[in-house]
Amino acid sequence: MNWGAFLIDLLQIVGGLVVGLVAGFFIARNYMKKYIKQNPPMNEQMIRAMMSQMGRTPSQKQVNQMMKTMNKYM
């Protein structure tokens, strides 16, 4: 058995896996950023409904404040 050829093949396999993982990470990250930008997880109507279910009548100022806080963490 030729150990030199075996090590080269093993390094190629490991290198291919590392490159694939790094490329997959960046592709998935860009896809999720684009998806969240197009479909935001919360909007003003959802915030109003949530606060109404909790028994509060939200003012526009409170809704704007919550939206600003949520956008800050996105």
PDB file of N, CA and C in Angstrom:
ATOM      1  N   MET A   1       0.841  -1.184   0.000  1.00  0.00           N
ATOM      2  CA  MET A   1       0.000   0.000   0.000  1.00  0.00           C
ATOM      3  C   MET A   1       0.879   1.238   0.000  1.00  0.00           C
ATOM      4  N   ASN A   2       0.558   2.164  -0.867  1.00  0.00           N
ATOM      5  CA  ASN A   2       1.328   3.384  -1.017  1.00  0.00           C
ATOM      6  C   ASN A   2       0.755   4.454  -0.078  1.00  0.00           C
ATOM      7  N   TRP A   3       1.500   4.751   1.001  1.00  0.00           N
ATOM      8  CA  TRP A   3       0.998   5.706   2.007  1.00  0.00           C
ATOM      9  C   TRP A   3       0.950   7.131   1.474  1.00  0.00           C
ATOM     10  N   GLY A   4       1.831   7.482   0.593  1.00  0.00           N
ATOM     11  CA  GLY A   4       1.836   8.842   0.036  1.00  0.00           C
ATOM     12  C   GLY A   4       0.563   9.131  -0.746  1.00  0.00           C
ATOM     13  N   ALA A   5       0.149   8.200  -1.576  1.00  0.00           N
ATOM     14  CA  ALA A   5      -1.079   8.374  -2.354  1.00  0.00           C
ATOM     15  C   ALA A   5      -2.299   8.382  -1.449  1.00  0.00           C
ATOM     16  N   PHE A   6      -2.258   7.539  -0.407  1.00  0.00           N
ATOM     17  CA  PHE A   6      -3.372   7.481   0.539  1.00  0.00           C
ATOM     18  C   PHE A   6      -3.544   8.822   1.262  1.00  0.00           C
ATOM     19  N   LEU A   7      -2.439   9.407   1.710  1.00  0.00           N
ATOM     20  CA  LEU A   7      -2.512  10.693   2.414  1.00  0.00           C
ATOM     21  C   LEU A   7      -2.984  11.814   1.494  1.00  0.00           C
ATOM     22  N   ILE A   8      -2.559  11.807   0.258  1.00  0.00           N
ATOM     23  CA  ILE A   8      -2.995  12.830  -0.697  1.00  0.00           C
ATOM     24  C   ILE A   8      -4.496  12.707  -0.936  1.00  0.00           C
ATOM     25  N   ASP A   9      -4.980  11.485  -1.108  1.00  0.00           N
ATOM     26  CA  ASP A   9      -6.417  11.272  -1.307  1.00  0.00           C
ATOM     27  C   ASP A   9      -7.205  11.719  -0.076  1.00  0.00           C
ATOM     28  N   LEU A  10      -6.703  11.396   1.102  1.00  0.00           N
ATOM     29  CA  LEU A  10      -7.379  11.783   2.343  1.00  0.00           C
ATOM     30  C   LEU A  10      -7.421  13.305   2.487  1.00  0.00           C
ATOM     31  N   LEU A  11      -6.326  13.971   2.170  1.00  0.00           N
ATOM     32  CA  LEU A  11      -6.284  15.433   2.245  1.00  0.00           C
ATOM     33  C   LEU A  11      -7.249  16.059   1.236  1.00  0.00           C
ATOM     34  N   GLN A  12      -7.381  15.475   0.067  1.00  0.00           N
ATOM     35  CA  GLN A  12      -8.315  15.994  -0.926  1.00  0.00           C
ATOM     36  C   GLN A  12      -9.757  15.860  -0.440  1.00  0.00           C
ATOM     37  N   ILE A  13     -10.069  14.744   0.181  1.00  0.00           N
ATOM     38  CA  ILE A  13     -11.424  14.534   0.689  1.00  0.00           C
ATOM     39  C   ILE A  13     -11.720  15.520   1.812  1.00  0.00           C
ATOM     40  N   VAL A  14     -10.805  15.647   2.752  1.00  0.00           N
ATOM     41  CA  VAL A  14     -11.002  16.568   3.877  1.00  0.00           C
ATOM     42  C   VAL A  14     -11.071  18.008   3.366  1.00  0.00           C
ATOM     43  N   GLY A  15     -10.201  18.359   2.442  1.00  0.00           N
ATOM     44  CA  GLY A  15     -10.224  19.713   1.869  1.00  0.00           C
ATOM     45  C   GLY A  15     -11.531  19.998   1.150  1.00  0.00           C
ATOM     46  N   GLY A  16     -12.043  19.032   0.410  1.00  0.00           N
ATOM     47  CA  GLY A  16     -13.320  19.200  -0.273  1.00  0.00           C
ATOM     48  C   GLY A  16     -14.470  19.391   0.699  1.00  0.00           C
ATOM     49  N   LEU A  17     -14.453  18.639   1.796  1.00  0.00           N
ATOM     50  CA  LEU A  17     -15.490  18.800   2.817  1.00  0.00           C
ATOM     51  C   LEU A  17     -15.436  20.184   3.460  1.00  0.00           C
ATOM     52  N   VAL A  18     -14.243  20.661   3.767  1.00  0.00           N
ATOM     53  CA  VAL A  18     -14.095  21.983   4.388  1.00  0.00           C
ATOM     54  C   VAL A  18     -14.570  23.076   3.434  1.00  0.00           C
ATOM     55  N   VAL A  19     -14.165  23.002   2.187  1.00  0.00           N
ATOM     56  CA  VAL A  19     -14.596  23.998   1.197  1.00  0.00           C
ATOM     57  C   VAL A  19     -16.114  23.948   1.024  1.00  0.00           C
ATOM     58  N   GLY A  20     -16.686  22.756   0.983  1.00  0.00           N
ATOM     59  CA  GLY A  20     -18.138  22.614   0.850  1.00  0.00           C
ATOM     60  C   GLY A  20     -18.884  23.186   2.030  1.00  0.00           C
ATOM     61  N   LEU A  21     -18.388  22.932   3.237  1.00  0.00           N
ATOM     62  CA  LEU A  21     -19.030  23.483   4.431  1.00  0.00           C
ATOM     63  C   LEU A  21     -18.973  25.003   4.459  1.00  0.00           C
ATOM     64  N   VAL A  22     -17.833  25.575   4.132  1.00  0.00           N
ATOM     65  CA  VAL A  22     -17.696  27.036   4.137  1.00  0.00           C
ATOM     66  C   VAL A  22     -18.598  27.654   3.065  1.00  0.00           C
ATOM     67  N   ALA A  23     -18.589  27.095   1.869  1.00  0.00           N
ATOM     68  CA  ALA A  23     -19.440  27.618   0.797  1.00  0.00           C
ATOM     69  C   ALA A  23     -20.918  27.465   1.161  1.00  0.00           C
ATOM     70  N   GLY A  24     -21.306  26.337   1.723  1.00  0.00           N
ATOM     71  CA  GLY A  24     -22.686  26.116   2.126  1.00  0.00           C
ATOM     72  C   GLY A  24     -23.141  27.088   3.193  1.00  0.00           C
ATOM     73  N   PHE A  25     -22.261  27.388   4.141  1.00  0.00           N
ATOM     74  CA  PHE A  25     -22.582  28.355   5.189  1.00  0.00           C
ATOM     75  C   PHE A  25     -22.894  29.722   4.594  1.00  0.00           C
ATOM     76  N   PHE A  26     -22.040  30.211   3.704  1.00  0.00           N
ATOM     77  CA  PHE A  26     -22.248  31.543   3.141  1.00  0.00           C
ATOM     78  C   PHE A  26     -23.468  31.586   2.211  1.00  0.00           C
ATOM     79  N   ILE A  27     -23.709  30.533   1.470  1.00  0.00           N
ATOM     80  CA  ILE A  27     -24.887  30.486   0.608  1.00  0.00           C
ATOM     81  C   ILE A  27     -26.158  30.496   1.453  1.00  0.00           C
ATOM     82  N   ALA A  28     -26.198  29.686   2.503  1.00  0.00           N
ATOM     83  CA  ALA A  28     -27.373  29.639   3.380  1.00  0.00           C
ATOM     84  C   ALA A  28     -27.574  30.970   4.099  1.00  0.00           C
ATOM     85  N   ARG A  29     -26.492  31.589   4.513  1.00  0.00           N
ATOM     86  CA  ARG A  29     -26.580  32.879   5.204  1.00  0.00           C
ATOM     87  C   ARG A  29     -27.167  33.953   4.285  1.00  0.00           C
ATOM     88  N   ASN A  30     -26.693  34.015   3.050  1.00  0.00           N
ATOM     89  CA  ASN A  30     -27.220  34.998   2.112  1.00  0.00           C
ATOM     90  C   ASN A  30     -28.677  34.729   1.777  1.00  0.00           C
ATOM     91  N   TYR A  31     -29.054  33.455   1.648  1.00  0.00           N
ATOM     92  CA  TYR A  31     -30.439  33.100   1.364  1.00  0.00           C
ATOM     93  C   TYR A  31     -31.359  33.531   2.510  1.00  0.00           C
ATOM     94  N   MET A  32     -30.939  33.281   3.743  1.00  0.00           N
ATOM     95  CA  MET A  32     -31.769  33.642   4.895  1.00  0.00           C
ATOM     96  C   MET A  32     -31.886  35.156   5.048  1.00  0.00           C
ATOM     97  N   LYS A  33     -30.817  35.880   4.798  1.00  0.00           N
ATOM     98  CA  LYS A  33     -30.892  37.347   4.860  1.00  0.00           C
ATOM     99  C   LYS A  33     -31.902  37.874   3.846  1.00  0.00           C
ATOM    100  N   LYS A  34     -31.841  37.346   2.632  1.00  0.00           N
ATOM    101  CA  LYS A  34     -32.760  37.764   1.579  1.00  0.00           C
ATOM    102  C   LYS A  34     -34.200  37.412   1.946  1.00  0.00           C
ATOM    103  N   TYR A  35     -34.414  36.202   2.485  1.00  0.00           N
ATOM    104  CA  TYR A  35     -35.755  35.750   2.849  1.00  0.00           C
ATOM    105  C   TYR A  35     -36.344  36.618   3.964  1.00  0.00           C
ATOM    106  N   ILE A  36     -35.541  36.922   4.967  1.00  0.00           N
ATOM    107  CA  ILE A  36     -36.041  37.728   6.096  1.00  0.00           C
ATOM    108  C   ILE A  36     -36.313  39.158   5.639  1.00  0.00           C
ATOM    109  N   LYS A  37     -35.520  39.652   4.721  1.00  0.00           N
ATOM    110  CA  LYS A  37     -35.748  41.005   4.212  1.00  0.00           C
ATOM    111  C   LYS A  37     -37.074  41.068   3.434  1.00  0.00           C
ATOM    112  N   GLN A  38     -37.378  40.041   2.664  1.00  0.00           N
ATOM    113  CA  GLN A  38     -38.613  40.007   1.879  1.00  0.00           C
ATOM    114  C   GLN A  38     -39.827  39.671   2.740  1.00  0.00           C
ATOM    115  N   ASN A  39     -39.652  38.841   3.771  1.00  0.00           N
ATOM    116  CA  ASN A  39     -40.751  38.391   4.628  1.00  0.00           C
ATOM    117  C   ASN A  39     -40.400  38.672   6.085  1.00  0.00           C
ATOM    118  N   PRO A  40     -40.573  39.911   6.529  1.00  0.00           N
ATOM    119  CA  PRO A  40     -40.206  40.215   7.912  1.00  0.00           C
ATOM    120  C   PRO A  40     -41.052  39.398   8.888  1.00  0.00           C
ATOM    121  N   PRO A  41     -40.447  38.967   9.982  1.00  0.00           N
ATOM    122  CA  PRO A  41     -41.150  38.099  10.908  1.00  0.00           C
ATOM    123  C   PRO A  41     -42.290  38.794  11.655  1.00  0.00           C
ATOM    124  N   MET A  42     -42.202  40.084  11.874  1.00  0.00           N
ATOM    125  CA  MET A  42     -43.256  40.814  12.584  1.00  0.00           C
ATOM    126  C   MET A  42     -43.550  42.104  11.837  1.00  0.00           C
ATOM    127  N   ASN A  43     -44.825  42.469  11.809  1.00  0.00           N
ATOM    128  CA  ASN A  43     -45.209  43.762  11.255  1.00  0.00           C
ATOM    129  C   ASN A  43     -46.141  44.449  12.239  1.00  0.00           C
ATOM    130  N   GLU A  44     -46.587  45.646  11.910  1.00  0.00           N
ATOM    131  CA  GLU A  44     -47.401  46.434  12.840  1.00  0.00           C
ATOM    132  C   GLU A  44     -48.716  45.734  13.180  1.00  0.00           C
ATOM    133  N   GLN A  45     -49.324  45.089  12.196  1.00  0.00           N
ATOM    134  CA  GLN A  45     -50.593  44.410  12.461  1.00  0.00           C
ATOM    135  C   GLN A  45     -50.409  43.268  13.461  1.00  0.00           C
ATOM    136  N   MET A  46     -49.314  42.542  13.338  1.00  0.00           N
ATOM    137  CA  MET A  46     -49.055  41.444  14.270  1.00  0.00           C
ATOM    138  C   MET A  46     -48.833  41.972  15.686  1.00  0.00           C
ATOM    139  N   ILE A  47     -48.116  43.080  15.801  1.00  0.00           N
ATOM    140  CA  ILE A  47     -47.860  43.673  17.116  1.00  0.00           C
ATOM    141  C   ILE A  47     -49.166  44.143  17.737  1.00  0.00           C
ATOM    142  N   ARG A  48     -50.015  44.794  16.941  1.00  0.00           N
ATOM    143  CA  ARG A  48     -51.310  45.244  17.452  1.00  0.00           C
ATOM    144  C   ARG A  48     -52.147  44.061  17.931  1.00  0.00           C
ATOM    145  N   ALA A  49     -52.196  42.994  17.157  1.00  0.00           N
ATOM    146  CA  ALA A  49     -52.976  41.813  17.534  1.00  0.00           C
ATOM    147  C   ALA A  49     -52.426  41.188  18.807  1.00  0.00           C
ATOM    148  N   MET A  50     -51.117  41.114  18.925  1.00  0.00           N
ATOM    149  CA  MET A  50     -50.496  40.525  20.108  1.00  0.00           C
ATOM    150  C   MET A  50     -50.820  41.350  21.354  1.00  0.00           C
ATOM    151  N   MET A  51     -50.713  42.660  21.250  1.00  0.00           N
ATOM    152  CA  MET A  51     -51.000  43.515  22.402  1.00  0.00           C
ATOM    153  C   MET A  51     -52.493  43.494  22.741  1.00  0.00           C
ATOM    154  N   SER A  52     -53.341  43.390  21.745  1.00  0.00           N
ATOM    155  CA  SER A  52     -54.776  43.308  21.992  1.00  0.00           C
ATOM    156  C   SER A  52     -55.123  42.017  22.722  1.00  0.00           C
ATOM    157  N   GLN A  53     -54.463  40.928  22.371  1.00  0.00           N
ATOM    158  CA  GLN A  53     -54.700  39.649  23.040  1.00  0.00           C
ATOM    159  C   GLN A  53     -54.252  39.692  24.497  1.00  0.00           C
ATOM    160  N   MET A  54     -53.283  40.548  24.788  1.00  0.00           N
ATOM    161  CA  MET A  54     -52.827  40.681  26.164  1.00  0.00           C
ATOM    162  C   MET A  54     -53.713  41.651  26.952  1.00  0.00           C
ATOM    163  N   GLY A  55     -54.722  42.203  26.302  1.00  0.00           N
ATOM    164  CA  GLY A  55     -55.645  43.087  27.002  1.00  0.00           C
ATOM    165  C   GLY A  55     -55.249  44.554  26.978  1.00  0.00           C
ATOM    166  N   ARG A  56     -54.345  44.929  26.092  1.00  0.00           N
ATOM    167  CA  ARG A  56     -53.905  46.324  25.981  1.00  0.00           C
ATOM    168  C   ARG A  56     -54.376  46.897  24.660  1.00  0.00           C
ATOM    169  N   THR A  57     -54.674  48.170  24.661  1.00  0.00           N
ATOM    170  CA  THR A  57     -54.971  48.880  23.423  1.00  0.00           C
ATOM    171  C   THR A  57     -53.732  49.709  23.095  1.00  0.00           C
ATOM    172  N   PRO A  58     -52.950  49.276  22.116  1.00  0.00           N
ATOM    173  CA  PRO A  58     -51.675  49.963  21.852  1.00  0.00           C
ATOM    174  C   PRO A  58     -51.884  51.271  21.098  1.00  0.00           C
ATOM    175  N   SER A  59     -51.093  52.265  21.471  1.00  0.00           N
ATOM    176  CA  SER A  59     -51.088  53.513  20.713  1.00  0.00           C
ATOM    177  C   SER A  59     -50.102  53.360  19.557  1.00  0.00           C
ATOM    178  N   GLN A  60     -50.183  54.264  18.609  1.00  0.00           N
ATOM    179  CA  GLN A  60     -49.260  54.213  17.461  1.00  0.00           C
ATOM    180  C   GLN A  60     -47.824  54.394  17.933  1.00  0.00           C
ATOM    181  N   LYS A  61     -47.628  55.201  18.960  1.00  0.00           N
ATOM    182  CA  LYS A  61     -46.281  55.426  19.498  1.00  0.00           C
ATOM    183  C   LYS A  61     -45.700  54.124  20.049  1.00  0.00           C
ATOM    184  N   GLN A  62     -46.518  53.340  20.768  1.00  0.00           N
ATOM    185  CA  GLN A  62     -46.037  52.072  21.314  1.00  0.00           C
ATOM    186  C   GLN A  62     -45.702  51.081  20.205  1.00  0.00           C
ATOM    187  N   VAL A  63     -46.546  51.041  19.176  1.00  0.00           N
ATOM    188  CA  VAL A  63     -46.295  50.143  18.050  1.00  0.00           C
ATOM    189  C   VAL A  63     -44.997  50.532  17.352  1.00  0.00           C
ATOM    190  N   ASN A  64     -44.816  51.827  17.105  1.00  0.00           N
ATOM    191  CA  ASN A  64     -43.589  52.305  16.449  1.00  0.00           C
ATOM    192  C   ASN A  64     -42.361  51.982  17.293  1.00  0.00           C
ATOM    193  N   GLN A  65     -42.495  52.116  18.606  1.00  0.00           N
ATOM    194  CA  GLN A  65     -41.375  51.831  19.498  1.00  0.00           C
ATOM    195  C   GLN A  65     -40.997  50.345  19.443  1.00  0.00           C
ATOM    196  N   MET A  66     -41.993  49.476  19.432  1.00  0.00           N
ATOM    197  CA  MET A  66     -41.709  48.038  19.341  1.00  0.00           C
ATOM    198  C   MET A  66     -41.087  47.677  17.997  1.00  0.00           C
ATOM    199  N   MET A  67     -41.583  48.280  16.912  1.00  0.00           N
ATOM    200  CA  MET A  67     -41.008  48.018  15.584  1.00  0.00           C
ATOM    201  C   MET A  67     -39.553  48.463  15.530  1.00  0.00           C
ATOM    202  N   LYS A  68     -39.288  49.632  16.107  1.00  0.00           N
ATOM    203  CA  LYS A  68     -37.918  50.160  16.108  1.00  0.00           C
ATOM    204  C   LYS A  68     -36.995  49.230  16.891  1.00  0.00           C
ATOM    205  N   THR A  69     -37.478  48.738  18.029  1.00  0.00           N
ATOM    206  CA  THR A  69     -36.684  47.829  18.853  1.00  0.00           C
ATOM    207  C   THR A  69     -36.417  46.519  18.114  1.00  0.00           C
ATOM    208  N   MET A  70     -37.443  45.996  17.456  1.00  0.00           N
ATOM    209  CA  MET A  70     -37.268  44.739  16.728  1.00  0.00           C
ATOM    210  C   MET A  70     -36.321  44.891  15.541  1.00  0.00           C
ATOM    211  N   ASN A  71     -36.425  46.002  14.828  1.00  0.00           N
ATOM    212  CA  ASN A  71     -35.540  46.228  13.676  1.00  0.00           C
ATOM    213  C   ASN A  71     -34.100  46.432  14.124  1.00  0.00           C
ATOM    214  N   LYS A  72     -33.919  46.958  15.340  1.00  0.00           N
ATOM    215  CA  LYS A  72     -32.572  47.165  15.864  1.00  0.00           C
ATOM    216  C   LYS A  72     -31.847  45.838  16.037  1.00  0.00           C
ATOM    217  N   TYR A  73     -32.570  44.800  16.451  1.00  0.00           N
ATOM    218  CA  TYR A  73     -31.946  43.503  16.715  1.00  0.00           C
ATOM    219  C   TYR A  73     -31.913  42.604  15.492  1.00  0.00           C
ATOM    220  N   MET A  74     -32.379  43.022  14.350  1.00  0.00           N
ATOM    221  CA  MET A  74     -32.364  42.202  13.146  1.00  0.00           C
ATOM    222  C   MET A  74     -31.129  42.478  12.336  1.00  0.00           C
TER     223      MET A  74
END
